[in-house]
Amino acid sequence: SRMKTFVSRVEEAIASGDREAAAKVLREAESELMKGAKNGVIHRN
């Protein structure tokens, strides 16, 4: 659920057209997704 929330935030930032905000939120989402992959919640690929 946490990973999906972060991905949704990136998609909202993309939809708003704010590149800086989207890039900032993307870094946070990437970290969260990689944590999920490390813990085996989703496949690393």
PDB file of all heavy atoms in Angstrom:
ATOM      1  N   SER A   1       0.834  -1.194   0.000  1.00  0.00           N
ATOM      2  CA  SER A   1       0.000   0.000   0.000  1.00  0.00           C
ATOM      3  C   SER A   1       0.876   1.253   0.000  1.00  0.00           C
ATOM      4  O   SER A   1       0.598   2.220  -0.720  1.00  0.00           O
ATOM      5  CB  SER A   1      -0.907  -0.005   1.224  1.00  0.00           C
ATOM      6  OG  SER A   1      -1.641   1.188   1.292  1.00  0.00           O
ATOM      7  N   ARG A   2       1.938   1.233   0.773  1.00  0.00           N
ATOM      8  CA  ARG A   2       2.863   2.370   0.846  1.00  0.00           C
ATOM      9  C   ARG A   2       3.527   2.614  -0.511  1.00  0.00           C
ATOM     10  O   ARG A   2       3.630   3.754  -0.967  1.00  0.00           O
ATOM     11  CB  ARG A   2       3.902   2.112   1.923  1.00  0.00           C
ATOM     12  CG  ARG A   2       4.793   3.274   2.231  1.00  0.00           C
ATOM     13  CD  ARG A   2       5.604   2.988   3.487  1.00  0.00           C
ATOM     14  NE  ARG A   2       6.717   3.897   3.610  1.00  0.00           N
ATOM     15  CZ  ARG A   2       6.642   5.108   4.145  1.00  0.00           C
ATOM     16  NH1 ARG A   2       5.483   5.538   4.612  1.00  0.00           N
ATOM     17  NH2 ARG A   2       7.699   5.876   4.220  1.00  0.00           N
ATOM     18  N   MET A   3       3.946   1.538  -1.172  1.00  0.00           N
ATOM     19  CA  MET A   3       4.573   1.672  -2.485  1.00  0.00           C
ATOM     20  C   MET A   3       3.590   2.271  -3.493  1.00  0.00           C
ATOM     21  O   MET A   3       3.934   3.167  -4.266  1.00  0.00           O
ATOM     22  CB  MET A   3       5.068   0.322  -3.000  1.00  0.00           C
ATOM     23  CG  MET A   3       6.285  -0.193  -2.282  1.00  0.00           C
ATOM     24  SD  MET A   3       6.974  -1.678  -3.019  1.00  0.00           S
ATOM     25  CE  MET A   3       5.600  -2.788  -3.030  1.00  0.00           C
ATOM     26  N   LYS A   4       2.355   1.786  -3.488  1.00  0.00           N
ATOM     27  CA  LYS A   4       1.349   2.286  -4.414  1.00  0.00           C
ATOM     28  C   LYS A   4       1.069   3.768  -4.168  1.00  0.00           C
ATOM     29  O   LYS A   4       0.855   4.536  -5.107  1.00  0.00           O
ATOM     30  CB  LYS A   4       0.052   1.486  -4.279  1.00  0.00           C
ATOM     31  CG  LYS A   4       0.138   0.086  -4.849  1.00  0.00           C
ATOM     32  CD  LYS A   4      -1.181  -0.637  -4.648  1.00  0.00           C
ATOM     33  CE  LYS A   4      -1.122  -2.064  -5.148  1.00  0.00           C
ATOM     34  NZ  LYS A   4      -2.399  -2.766  -4.933  1.00  0.00           N
ATOM     35  N   THR A   5       1.079   4.175  -2.898  1.00  0.00           N
ATOM     36  CA  THR A   5       0.847   5.573  -2.557  1.00  0.00           C
ATOM     37  C   THR A   5       1.935   6.452  -3.156  1.00  0.00           C
ATOM     38  O   THR A   5       1.652   7.504  -3.735  1.00  0.00           O
ATOM     39  CB  THR A   5       0.803   5.759  -1.026  1.00  0.00           C
ATOM     40  OG1 THR A   5      -0.264   4.969  -0.498  1.00  0.00           O
ATOM     41  CG2 THR A   5       0.603   7.219  -0.653  1.00  0.00           C
ATOM     42  N   PHE A   6       3.192   6.024  -3.040  1.00  0.00           N
ATOM     43  CA  PHE A   6       4.291   6.809  -3.570  1.00  0.00           C
ATOM     44  C   PHE A   6       4.228   6.883  -5.094  1.00  0.00           C
ATOM     45  O   PHE A   6       4.496   7.940  -5.680  1.00  0.00           O
ATOM     46  CB  PHE A   6       5.634   6.237  -3.112  1.00  0.00           C
ATOM     47  CG  PHE A   6       6.047   6.720  -1.750  1.00  0.00           C
ATOM     48  CD1 PHE A   6       5.617   6.077  -0.601  1.00  0.00           C
ATOM     49  CD2 PHE A   6       6.856   7.830  -1.610  1.00  0.00           C
ATOM     50  CE1 PHE A   6       5.991   6.521   0.647  1.00  0.00           C
ATOM     51  CE2 PHE A   6       7.238   8.297  -0.355  1.00  0.00           C
ATOM     52  CZ  PHE A   6       6.812   7.640   0.775  1.00  0.00           C
ATOM     53  N   VAL A   7       3.867   5.794  -5.742  1.00  0.00           N
ATOM     54  CA  VAL A   7       3.730   5.797  -7.205  1.00  0.00           C
ATOM     55  C   VAL A   7       2.597   6.740  -7.610  1.00  0.00           C
ATOM     56  O   VAL A   7       2.723   7.493  -8.585  1.00  0.00           O
ATOM     57  CB  VAL A   7       3.488   4.366  -7.732  1.00  0.00           C
ATOM     58  CG1 VAL A   7       3.123   4.388  -9.200  1.00  0.00           C
ATOM     59  CG2 VAL A   7       4.727   3.509  -7.519  1.00  0.00           C
ATOM     60  N   SER A   8       1.509   6.742  -6.858  1.00  0.00           N
ATOM     61  CA  SER A   8       0.393   7.639  -7.154  1.00  0.00           C
ATOM     62  C   SER A   8       0.808   9.093  -7.036  1.00  0.00           C
ATOM     63  O   SER A   8       0.383   9.948  -7.833  1.00  0.00           O
ATOM     64  CB  SER A   8      -0.777   7.373  -6.213  1.00  0.00           C
ATOM     65  OG  SER A   8      -1.280   6.083  -6.393  1.00  0.00           O
ATOM     66  N   ARG A   9       1.647   9.403  -6.049  1.00  0.00           N
ATOM     67  CA  ARG A   9       2.120  10.777  -5.880  1.00  0.00           C
ATOM     68  C   ARG A   9       2.934  11.226  -7.093  1.00  0.00           C
ATOM     69  O   ARG A   9       2.824  12.373  -7.534  1.00  0.00           O
ATOM     70  CB  ARG A   9       2.961  10.902  -4.617  1.00  0.00           C
ATOM     71  CG  ARG A   9       2.164  10.808  -3.348  1.00  0.00           C
ATOM     72  CD  ARG A   9       3.043  10.955  -2.132  1.00  0.00           C
ATOM     73  NE  ARG A   9       2.299  10.677  -0.924  1.00  0.00           N
ATOM     74  CZ  ARG A   9       2.859  10.479   0.272  1.00  0.00           C
ATOM     75  NH1 ARG A   9       4.171  10.527   0.406  1.00  0.00           N
ATOM     76  NH2 ARG A   9       2.106  10.232   1.321  1.00  0.00           N
ATOM     77  N   VAL A  10       3.754  10.321  -7.625  1.00  0.00           N
ATOM     78  CA  VAL A  10       4.540  10.650  -8.812  1.00  0.00           C
ATOM     79  C   VAL A  10       3.604  10.913  -9.985  1.00  0.00           C
ATOM     80  O   VAL A  10       3.774  11.890 -10.729  1.00  0.00           O
ATOM     81  CB  VAL A  10       5.536   9.523  -9.160  1.00  0.00           C
ATOM     82  CG1 VAL A  10       6.267   9.825 -10.453  1.00  0.00           C
ATOM     83  CG2 VAL A  10       6.531   9.316  -8.031  1.00  0.00           C
ATOM     84  N   GLU A  11       2.606  10.065 -10.159  1.00  0.00           N
ATOM     85  CA  GLU A  11       1.670  10.227 -11.269  1.00  0.00           C
ATOM     86  C   GLU A  11       0.887  11.531 -11.149  1.00  0.00           C
ATOM     87  O   GLU A  11       0.620  12.197 -12.153  1.00  0.00           O
ATOM     88  CB  GLU A  11       0.736   9.024 -11.348  1.00  0.00           C
ATOM     89  CG  GLU A  11       1.463   7.762 -11.784  1.00  0.00           C
ATOM     90  CD  GLU A  11       0.608   6.523 -11.724  1.00  0.00           C
ATOM     91  OE1 GLU A  11      -0.513   6.584 -11.185  1.00  0.00           O
ATOM     92  OE2 GLU A  11       1.075   5.484 -12.221  1.00  0.00           O
ATOM     93  N   GLU A  12       0.535  11.925  -9.926  1.00  0.00           N
ATOM     94  CA  GLU A  12      -0.163  13.201  -9.723  1.00  0.00           C
ATOM     95  C   GLU A  12       0.742  14.369 -10.093  1.00  0.00           C
ATOM     96  O   GLU A  12       0.291  15.338 -10.718  1.00  0.00           O
ATOM     97  CB  GLU A  12      -0.609  13.335  -8.264  1.00  0.00           C
ATOM     98  CG  GLU A  12      -1.766  12.443  -7.886  1.00  0.00           C
ATOM     99  CD  GLU A  12      -2.068  12.478  -6.398  1.00  0.00           C
ATOM    100  OE1 GLU A  12      -1.445  13.294  -5.674  1.00  0.00           O
ATOM    101  OE2 GLU A  12      -2.905  11.681  -5.959  1.00  0.00           O
ATOM    102  N   ALA A  13       2.017  14.283  -9.711  1.00  0.00           N
ATOM    103  CA  ALA A  13       2.965  15.354 -10.027  1.00  0.00           C
ATOM    104  C   ALA A  13       3.176  15.458 -11.537  1.00  0.00           C
ATOM    105  O   ALA A  13       3.296  16.561 -12.086  1.00  0.00           O
ATOM    106  CB  ALA A  13       4.291  15.107  -9.318  1.00  0.00           C
ATOM    107  N   ILE A  14       3.208  14.302 -12.204  1.00  0.00           N
ATOM    108  CA  ILE A  14       3.352  14.298 -13.666  1.00  0.00           C
ATOM    109  C   ILE A  14       2.123  14.948 -14.300  1.00  0.00           C
ATOM    110  O   ILE A  14       2.238  15.755 -15.223  1.00  0.00           O
ATOM    111  CB  ILE A  14       3.556  12.861 -14.187  1.00  0.00           C
ATOM    112  CG1 ILE A  14       4.926  12.330 -13.767  1.00  0.00           C
ATOM    113  CG2 ILE A  14       3.412  12.811 -15.699  1.00  0.00           C
ATOM    114  CD1 ILE A  14       5.120  10.852 -14.026  1.00  0.00           C
ATOM    115  N   ALA A  15       0.949  14.612 -13.793  1.00  0.00           N
ATOM    116  CA  ALA A  15      -0.294  15.164 -14.338  1.00  0.00           C
ATOM    117  C   ALA A  15      -0.375  16.674 -14.136  1.00  0.00           C
ATOM    118  O   ALA A  15      -0.903  17.390 -14.984  1.00  0.00           O
ATOM    119  CB  ALA A  15      -1.493  14.482 -13.695  1.00  0.00           C
ATOM    120  N   SER A  16       0.194  17.154 -13.019  1.00  0.00           N
ATOM    121  CA  SER A  16       0.155  18.597 -12.763  1.00  0.00           C
ATOM    122  C   SER A  16       1.146  19.354 -13.644  1.00  0.00           C
ATOM    123  O   SER A  16       1.018  20.565 -13.816  1.00  0.00           O
ATOM    124  CB  SER A  16       0.452  18.889 -11.296  1.00  0.00           C
ATOM    125  OG  SER A  16       1.820  18.640 -11.015  1.00  0.00           O
ATOM    126  N   GLY A  17       2.144  18.641 -14.185  1.00  0.00           N
ATOM    127  CA  GLY A  17       3.102  19.268 -15.089  1.00  0.00           C
ATOM    128  C   GLY A  17       4.284  19.910 -14.394  1.00  0.00           C
ATOM    129  O   GLY A  17       5.093  20.575 -15.030  1.00  0.00           O
ATOM    130  N   ASP A  18       4.424  19.699 -13.093  1.00  0.00           N
ATOM    131  CA  ASP A  18       5.541  20.279 -12.331  1.00  0.00           C
ATOM    132  C   ASP A  18       6.712  19.302 -12.338  1.00  0.00           C
ATOM    133  O   ASP A  18       6.705  18.300 -11.627  1.00  0.00           O
ATOM    134  CB  ASP A  18       5.092  20.587 -10.908  1.00  0.00           C
ATOM    135  CG  ASP A  18       6.130  21.367 -10.127  1.00  0.00           C
ATOM    136  OD1 ASP A  18       7.187  21.693 -10.712  1.00  0.00           O
ATOM    137  OD2 ASP A  18       5.884  21.655  -8.948  1.00  0.00           O
ATOM    138  N   ARG A  19       7.719  19.610 -13.151  1.00  0.00           N
ATOM    139  CA  ARG A  19       8.833  18.674 -13.332  1.00  0.00           C
ATOM    140  C   ARG A  19       9.682  18.528 -12.067  1.00  0.00           C
ATOM    141  O   ARG A  19      10.105  17.415 -11.717  1.00  0.00           O
ATOM    142  CB  ARG A  19       9.702  19.137 -14.491  1.00  0.00           C
ATOM    143  CG  ARG A  19      10.747  18.133 -14.888  1.00  0.00           C
ATOM    144  CD  ARG A  19      11.474  18.577 -16.127  1.00  0.00           C
ATOM    145  NE  ARG A  19      12.239  17.475 -16.650  1.00  0.00           N
ATOM    146  CZ  ARG A  19      12.748  17.435 -17.854  1.00  0.00           C
ATOM    147  NH1 ARG A  19      12.553  18.434 -18.671  1.00  0.00           N
ATOM    148  NH2 ARG A  19      13.453  16.416 -18.252  1.00  0.00           N
ATOM    149  N   GLU A  20       9.960  19.636 -11.385  1.00  0.00           N
ATOM    150  CA  GLU A  20      10.796  19.579 -10.182  1.00  0.00           C
ATOM    151  C   GLU A  20      10.128  18.753  -9.086  1.00  0.00           C
ATOM    152  O   GLU A  20      10.774  17.926  -8.440  1.00  0.00           O
ATOM    153  CB  GLU A  20      11.107  20.996  -9.667  1.00  0.00           C
ATOM    154  CG  GLU A  20      12.037  21.781 -10.552  1.00  0.00           C
ATOM    155  CD  GLU A  20      11.336  22.378 -11.761  1.00  0.00           C
ATOM    156  OE1 GLU A  20      10.097  22.578 -11.699  1.00  0.00           O
ATOM    157  OE2 GLU A  20      12.019  22.604 -12.771  1.00  0.00           O
ATOM    158  N   ALA A  21       8.840  18.994  -8.889  1.00  0.00           N
ATOM    159  CA  ALA A  21       8.111  18.232  -7.870  1.00  0.00           C
ATOM    160  C   ALA A  21       8.044  16.764  -8.245  1.00  0.00           C
ATOM    161  O   ALA A  21       8.201  15.888  -7.384  1.00  0.00           O
ATOM    162  CB  ALA A  21       6.695  18.787  -7.709  1.00  0.00           C
ATOM    163  N   ALA A  22       7.837  16.482  -9.530  1.00  0.00           N
ATOM    164  CA  ALA A  22       7.768  15.093  -9.988  1.00  0.00           C
ATOM    165  C   ALA A  22       9.096  14.390  -9.771  1.00  0.00           C
ATOM    166  O   ALA A  22       9.138  13.234  -9.342  1.00  0.00           O
ATOM    167  CB  ALA A  22       7.371  15.041 -11.455  1.00  0.00           C
ATOM    168  N   ALA A  23      10.205  15.091 -10.046  1.00  0.00           N
ATOM    169  CA  ALA A  23      11.526  14.492  -9.858  1.00  0.00           C
ATOM    170  C   ALA A  23      11.793  14.216  -8.384  1.00  0.00           C
ATOM    171  O   ALA A  23      12.364  13.169  -8.026  1.00  0.00           O
ATOM    172  CB  ALA A  23      12.601  15.408 -10.424  1.00  0.00           C
ATOM    173  N   LYS A  24      11.369  15.137  -7.526  1.00  0.00           N
ATOM    174  CA  LYS A  24      11.578  14.960  -6.083  1.00  0.00           C
ATOM    175  C   LYS A  24      10.779  13.756  -5.562  1.00  0.00           C
ATOM    176  O   LYS A  24      11.295  12.917  -4.825  1.00  0.00           O
ATOM    177  CB  LYS A  24      11.154  16.230  -5.348  1.00  0.00           C
ATOM    178  CG  LYS A  24      11.324  16.153  -3.853  1.00  0.00           C
ATOM    179  CD  LYS A  24      10.962  17.476  -3.196  1.00  0.00           C
ATOM    180  CE  LYS A  24      11.162  17.400  -1.702  1.00  0.00           C
ATOM    181  NZ  LYS A  24       9.937  17.129  -0.990  1.00  0.00           N
ATOM    182  N   VAL A  25       9.535  13.677  -5.969  1.00  0.00           N
ATOM    183  CA  VAL A  25       8.680  12.581  -5.511  1.00  0.00           C
ATOM    184  C   VAL A  25       9.138  11.258  -6.120  1.00  0.00           C
ATOM    185  O   VAL A  25       9.028  10.209  -5.496  1.00  0.00           O
ATOM    186  CB  VAL A  25       7.202  12.871  -5.857  1.00  0.00           C
ATOM    187  CG1 VAL A  25       6.302  11.759  -5.401  1.00  0.00           C
ATOM    188  CG2 VAL A  25       6.766  14.178  -5.228  1.00  0.00           C
ATOM    189  N   LEU A  26       9.695  11.325  -7.335  1.00  0.00           N
ATOM    190  CA  LEU A  26      10.206  10.113  -7.981  1.00  0.00           C
ATOM    191  C   LEU A  26      11.343   9.499  -7.176  1.00  0.00           C
ATOM    192  O   LEU A  26      11.412   8.275  -7.026  1.00  0.00           O
ATOM    193  CB  LEU A  26      10.675  10.415  -9.403  1.00  0.00           C
ATOM    194  CG  LEU A  26      11.329   9.246 -10.143  1.00  0.00           C
ATOM    195  CD1 LEU A  26      10.329   8.117 -10.352  1.00  0.00           C
ATOM    196  CD2 LEU A  26      11.911   9.703 -11.457  1.00  0.00           C
ATOM    197  N   ARG A  27      12.230  10.335  -6.658  1.00  0.00           N
ATOM    198  CA  ARG A  27      13.335   9.811  -5.837  1.00  0.00           C
ATOM    199  C   ARG A  27      12.803   9.074  -4.612  1.00  0.00           C
ATOM    200  O   ARG A  27      13.305   7.999  -4.248  1.00  0.00           O
ATOM    201  CB  ARG A  27      14.265  10.950  -5.411  1.00  0.00           C
ATOM    202  CG  ARG A  27      15.186  11.426  -6.509  1.00  0.00           C
ATOM    203  CD  ARG A  27      16.295  12.309  -5.970  1.00  0.00           C
ATOM    204  NE  ARG A  27      15.794  13.498  -5.297  1.00  0.00           N
ATOM    205  CZ  ARG A  27      15.505  14.649  -5.896  1.00  0.00           C
ATOM    206  NH1 ARG A  27      15.643  14.762  -7.199  1.00  0.00           N
ATOM    207  NH2 ARG A  27      15.072  15.683  -5.199  1.00  0.00           N
ATOM    208  N   GLU A  28      11.786   9.640  -3.979  1.00  0.00           N
ATOM    209  CA  GLU A  28      11.185   8.993  -2.806  1.00  0.00           C
ATOM    210  C   GLU A  28      10.506   7.689  -3.198  1.00  0.00           C
ATOM    211  O   GLU A  28      10.623   6.676  -2.494  1.00  0.00           O
ATOM    212  CB  GLU A  28      10.183   9.936  -2.148  1.00  0.00           C
ATOM    213  CG  GLU A  28      10.803  11.196  -1.584  1.00  0.00           C
ATOM    214  CD  GLU A  28       9.764  12.216  -1.156  1.00  0.00           C
ATOM    215  OE1 GLU A  28       8.563  11.959  -1.344  1.00  0.00           O
ATOM    216  OE2 GLU A  28      10.163  13.271  -0.633  1.00  0.00           O
ATOM    217  N   ALA A  29       9.806   7.699  -4.324  1.00  0.00           N
ATOM    218  CA  ALA A  29       9.114   6.497  -4.784  1.00  0.00           C
ATOM    219  C   ALA A  29      10.105   5.406  -5.150  1.00  0.00           C
ATOM    220  O   ALA A  29       9.884   4.219  -4.865  1.00  0.00           O
ATOM    221  CB  ALA A  29       8.223   6.827  -5.981  1.00  0.00           C
ATOM    222  N   GLU A  30      11.208   5.800  -5.782  1.00  0.00           N
ATOM    223  CA  GLU A  30      12.226   4.820  -6.155  1.00  0.00           C
ATOM    224  C   GLU A  30      12.784   4.133  -4.916  1.00  0.00           C
ATOM    225  O   GLU A  30      12.938   2.909  -4.887  1.00  0.00           O
ATOM    226  CB  GLU A  30      13.352   5.509  -6.921  1.00  0.00           C
ATOM    227  CG  GLU A  30      14.445   4.561  -7.359  1.00  0.00           C
ATOM    228  CD  GLU A  30      15.541   5.243  -8.139  1.00  0.00           C
ATOM    229  OE1 GLU A  30      15.479   6.477  -8.319  1.00  0.00           O
ATOM    230  OE2 GLU A  30      16.462   4.538  -8.565  1.00  0.00           O
ATOM    231  N   SER A  31      13.062   4.913  -3.892  1.00  0.00           N
ATOM    232  CA  SER A  31      13.568   4.353  -2.638  1.00  0.00           C
ATOM    233  C   SER A  31      12.571   3.368  -2.047  1.00  0.00           C
ATOM    234  O   SER A  31      12.934   2.262  -1.616  1.00  0.00           O
ATOM    235  CB  SER A  31      13.845   5.485  -1.645  1.00  0.00           C
ATOM    236  OG  SER A  31      14.191   4.967  -0.388  1.00  0.00           O
ATOM    237  N   GLU A  32      11.318   3.763  -2.041  1.00  0.00           N
ATOM    238  CA  GLU A  32      10.270   2.908  -1.462  1.00  0.00           C
ATOM    239  C   GLU A  32      10.095   1.620  -2.259  1.00  0.00           C
ATOM    240  O   GLU A  32       9.941   0.531  -1.689  1.00  0.00           O
ATOM    241  CB  GLU A  32       8.962   3.685  -1.406  1.00  0.00           C
ATOM    242  CG  GLU A  32       7.963   3.133  -0.433  1.00  0.00           C
ATOM    243  CD  GLU A  32       8.444   3.178   1.001  1.00  0.00           C
ATOM    244  OE1 GLU A  32       9.107   4.145   1.410  1.00  0.00           O
ATOM    245  OE2 GLU A  32       8.153   2.210   1.733  1.00  0.00           O
ATOM    246  N   LEU A  33      10.132   1.717  -3.584  1.00  0.00           N
ATOM    247  CA  LEU A  33       9.993   0.524  -4.429  1.00  0.00           C
ATOM    248  C   LEU A  33      11.162  -0.429  -4.235  1.00  0.00           C
ATOM    249  O   LEU A  33      10.981  -1.649  -4.170  1.00  0.00           O
ATOM    250  CB  LEU A  33       9.877   0.935  -5.899  1.00  0.00           C
ATOM    251  CG  LEU A  33       8.521   1.482  -6.314  1.00  0.00           C
ATOM    252  CD1 LEU A  33       8.627   2.235  -7.630  1.00  0.00           C
ATOM    253  CD2 LEU A  33       7.509   0.364  -6.420  1.00  0.00           C
ATOM    254  N   MET A  34      12.361   0.113  -4.133  1.00  0.00           N
ATOM    255  CA  MET A  34      13.537  -0.743  -3.950  1.00  0.00           C
ATOM    256  C   MET A  34      13.536  -1.405  -2.574  1.00  0.00           C
ATOM    257  O   MET A  34      13.985  -2.535  -2.421  1.00  0.00           O
ATOM    258  CB  MET A  34      14.823   0.054  -4.179  1.00  0.00           C
ATOM    259  CG  MET A  34      15.018   0.459  -5.611  1.00  0.00           C
ATOM    260  SD  MET A  34      14.951  -0.978  -6.710  1.00  0.00           S
ATOM    261  CE  MET A  34      14.465  -0.227  -8.224  1.00  0.00           C
ATOM    262  N   LYS A  35      13.019  -0.706  -1.582  1.00  0.00           N
ATOM    263  CA  LYS A  35      12.864  -1.331  -0.259  1.00  0.00           C
ATOM    264  C   LYS A  35      11.889  -2.500  -0.346  1.00  0.00           C
ATOM    265  O   LYS A  35      12.114  -3.557   0.250  1.00  0.00           O
ATOM    266  CB  LYS A  35      12.356  -0.319   0.768  1.00  0.00           C
ATOM    267  CG  LYS A  35      13.388   0.660   1.248  1.00  0.00           C
ATOM    268  CD  LYS A  35      12.751   1.630   2.232  1.00  0.00           C
ATOM    269  CE  LYS A  35      13.680   2.767   2.573  1.00  0.00           C
ATOM    270  NZ  LYS A  35      13.040   3.763   3.447  1.00  0.00           N
ATOM    271  N   GLY A  36      10.796  -2.292  -1.072  1.00  0.00           N
ATOM    272  CA  GLY A  36       9.825  -3.364  -1.247  1.00  0.00           C
ATOM    273  C   GLY A  36      10.427  -4.551  -1.970  1.00  0.00           C
ATOM    274  O   GLY A  36      10.166  -5.709  -1.630  1.00  0.00           O
ATOM    275  N   ALA A  37      11.253  -4.275  -2.971  1.00  0.00           N
ATOM    276  CA  ALA A  37      11.908  -5.356  -3.710  1.00  0.00           C
ATOM    277  C   ALA A  37      12.907  -6.085  -2.820  1.00  0.00           C
ATOM    278  O   ALA A  37      13.014  -7.319  -2.858  1.00  0.00           O
ATOM    279  CB  ALA A  37      12.613  -4.800  -4.940  1.00  0.00           C
ATOM    280  N   LYS A  38      13.621  -5.340  -2.012  1.00  0.00           N
ATOM    281  CA  LYS A  38      14.612  -5.944  -1.107  1.00  0.00           C
ATOM    282  C   LYS A  38      13.934  -6.863  -0.097  1.00  0.00           C
ATOM    283  O   LYS A  38      14.456  -7.933   0.237  1.00  0.00           O
ATOM    284  CB  LYS A  38      15.383  -4.846  -0.371  1.00  0.00           C
ATOM    285  CG  LYS A  38      16.482  -5.375   0.536  1.00  0.00           C
ATOM    286  CD  LYS A  38      17.174  -4.250   1.264  1.00  0.00           C
ATOM    287  CE  LYS A  38      16.284  -3.763   2.388  1.00  0.00           C
ATOM    288  NZ  LYS A  38      16.934  -2.818   3.286  1.00  0.00           N
ATOM    289  N   ASN A  39      12.758  -6.455   0.350  1.00  0.00           N
ATOM    290  CA  ASN A  39      12.043  -7.244   1.350  1.00  0.00           C
ATOM    291  C   ASN A  39      11.175  -8.340   0.743  1.00  0.00           C
ATOM    292  O   ASN A  39      10.510  -9.069   1.460  1.00  0.00           O
ATOM    293  CB  ASN A  39      11.164  -6.330   2.210  1.00  0.00           C
ATOM    294  CG  ASN A  39      11.993  -5.425   3.093  1.00  0.00           C
ATOM    295  OD1 ASN A  39      12.998  -5.853   3.644  1.00  0.00           O
ATOM    296  ND2 ASN A  39      11.597  -4.180   3.217  1.00  0.00           N
ATOM    297  N   GLY A  40      11.159  -8.429  -0.578  1.00  0.00           N
ATOM    298  CA  GLY A  40      10.434  -9.514  -1.223  1.00  0.00           C
ATOM    299  C   GLY A  40       8.951  -9.265  -1.412  1.00  0.00           C
ATOM    300  O   GLY A  40       8.198 -10.197  -1.685  1.00  0.00           O
ATOM    301  N   VAL A  41       8.512  -8.020  -1.274  1.00  0.00           N
ATOM    302  CA  VAL A  41       7.102  -7.711  -1.466  1.00  0.00           C
ATOM    303  C   VAL A  41       6.761  -7.807  -2.947  1.00  0.00           C
ATOM    304  O   VAL A  41       5.721  -8.334  -3.327  1.00  0.00           O
ATOM    305  CB  VAL A  41       6.759  -6.315  -0.905  1.00  0.00           C
ATOM    306  CG1 VAL A  41       5.301  -5.983  -1.137  1.00  0.00           C
ATOM    307  CG2 VAL A  41       7.083  -6.264   0.572  1.00  0.00           C
ATOM    308  N   ILE A  42       7.660  -7.257  -3.794  1.00  0.00           N
ATOM    309  CA  ILE A  42       7.518  -7.400  -5.237  1.00  0.00           C
ATOM    310  C   ILE A  42       8.855  -7.861  -5.802  1.00  0.00           C
ATOM    311  O   ILE A  42       9.893  -7.740  -5.141  1.00  0.00           O
ATOM    312  CB  ILE A  42       7.084  -6.080  -5.928  1.00  0.00           C
ATOM    313  CG1 ILE A  42       8.090  -4.968  -5.682  1.00  0.00           C
ATOM    314  CG2 ILE A  42       5.708  -5.663  -5.504  1.00  0.00           C
ATOM    315  CD1 ILE A  42       7.820  -3.723  -6.490  1.00  0.00           C
ATOM    316  N   HIS A  43       8.832  -8.375  -6.996  1.00  0.00           N
ATOM    317  CA  HIS A  43      10.055  -8.850  -7.638  1.00  0.00           C
ATOM    318  C   HIS A  43      10.946  -7.658  -7.976  1.00  0.00           C
ATOM    319  O   HIS A  43      10.445  -6.578  -8.310  1.00  0.00           O
ATOM    320  CB  HIS A  43       9.695  -9.615  -8.915  1.00  0.00           C
ATOM    321  CG  HIS A  43      10.821 -10.454  -9.432  1.00  0.00           C
ATOM    322  ND1 HIS A  43      11.795  -9.932 -10.236  1.00  0.00           N
ATOM    323  CD2 HIS A  43      11.129 -11.765  -9.237  1.00  0.00           C
ATOM    324  CE1 HIS A  43      12.665 -10.899 -10.527  1.00  0.00           C
ATOM    325  NE2 HIS A  43      12.273 -12.014  -9.934  1.00  0.00           N
ATOM    326  N   ARG A  44      12.253  -7.844  -7.886  1.00  0.00           N
ATOM    327  CA  ARG A  44      13.171  -6.725  -8.131  1.00  0.00           C
ATOM    328  C   ARG A  44      13.063  -6.202  -9.554  1.00  0.00           C
ATOM    329  O   ARG A  44      13.215  -5.004  -9.786  1.00  0.00           O
ATOM    330  CB  ARG A  44      14.603  -7.116  -7.799  1.00  0.00           C
ATOM    331  CG  ARG A  44      15.184  -8.196  -8.659  1.00  0.00           C
ATOM    332  CD  ARG A  44      16.602  -8.554  -8.213  1.00  0.00           C
ATOM    333  NE  ARG A  44      17.176  -9.539  -9.088  1.00  0.00           N
ATOM    334  CZ  ARG A  44      17.027 -10.848  -8.967  1.00  0.00           C
ATOM    335  NH1 ARG A  44      16.320 -11.323  -7.949  1.00  0.00           N
ATOM    336  NH2 ARG A  44      17.585 -11.682  -9.814  1.00  0.00           N
ATOM    337  N   ASN A  45      12.780  -7.074 -10.513  1.00  0.00           N
ATOM    338  CA  ASN A  45      12.620  -6.605 -11.896  1.00  0.00           C
ATOM    339  C   ASN A  45      11.358  -5.772 -12.051  1.00  0.00           C
ATOM    340  O   ASN A  45      11.332  -4.808 -12.820  1.00  0.00           O
ATOM    341  CB  ASN A  45      12.582  -7.788 -12.863  1.00  0.00           C
ATOM    342  CG  ASN A  45      13.912  -8.480 -12.991  1.00  0.00           C
ATOM    343  OD1 ASN A  45      14.909  -8.034 -12.435  1.00  0.00           O
ATOM    344  ND2 ASN A  45      13.938  -9.580 -13.711  1.00  0.00           N
TER     345      ASN A  45
END
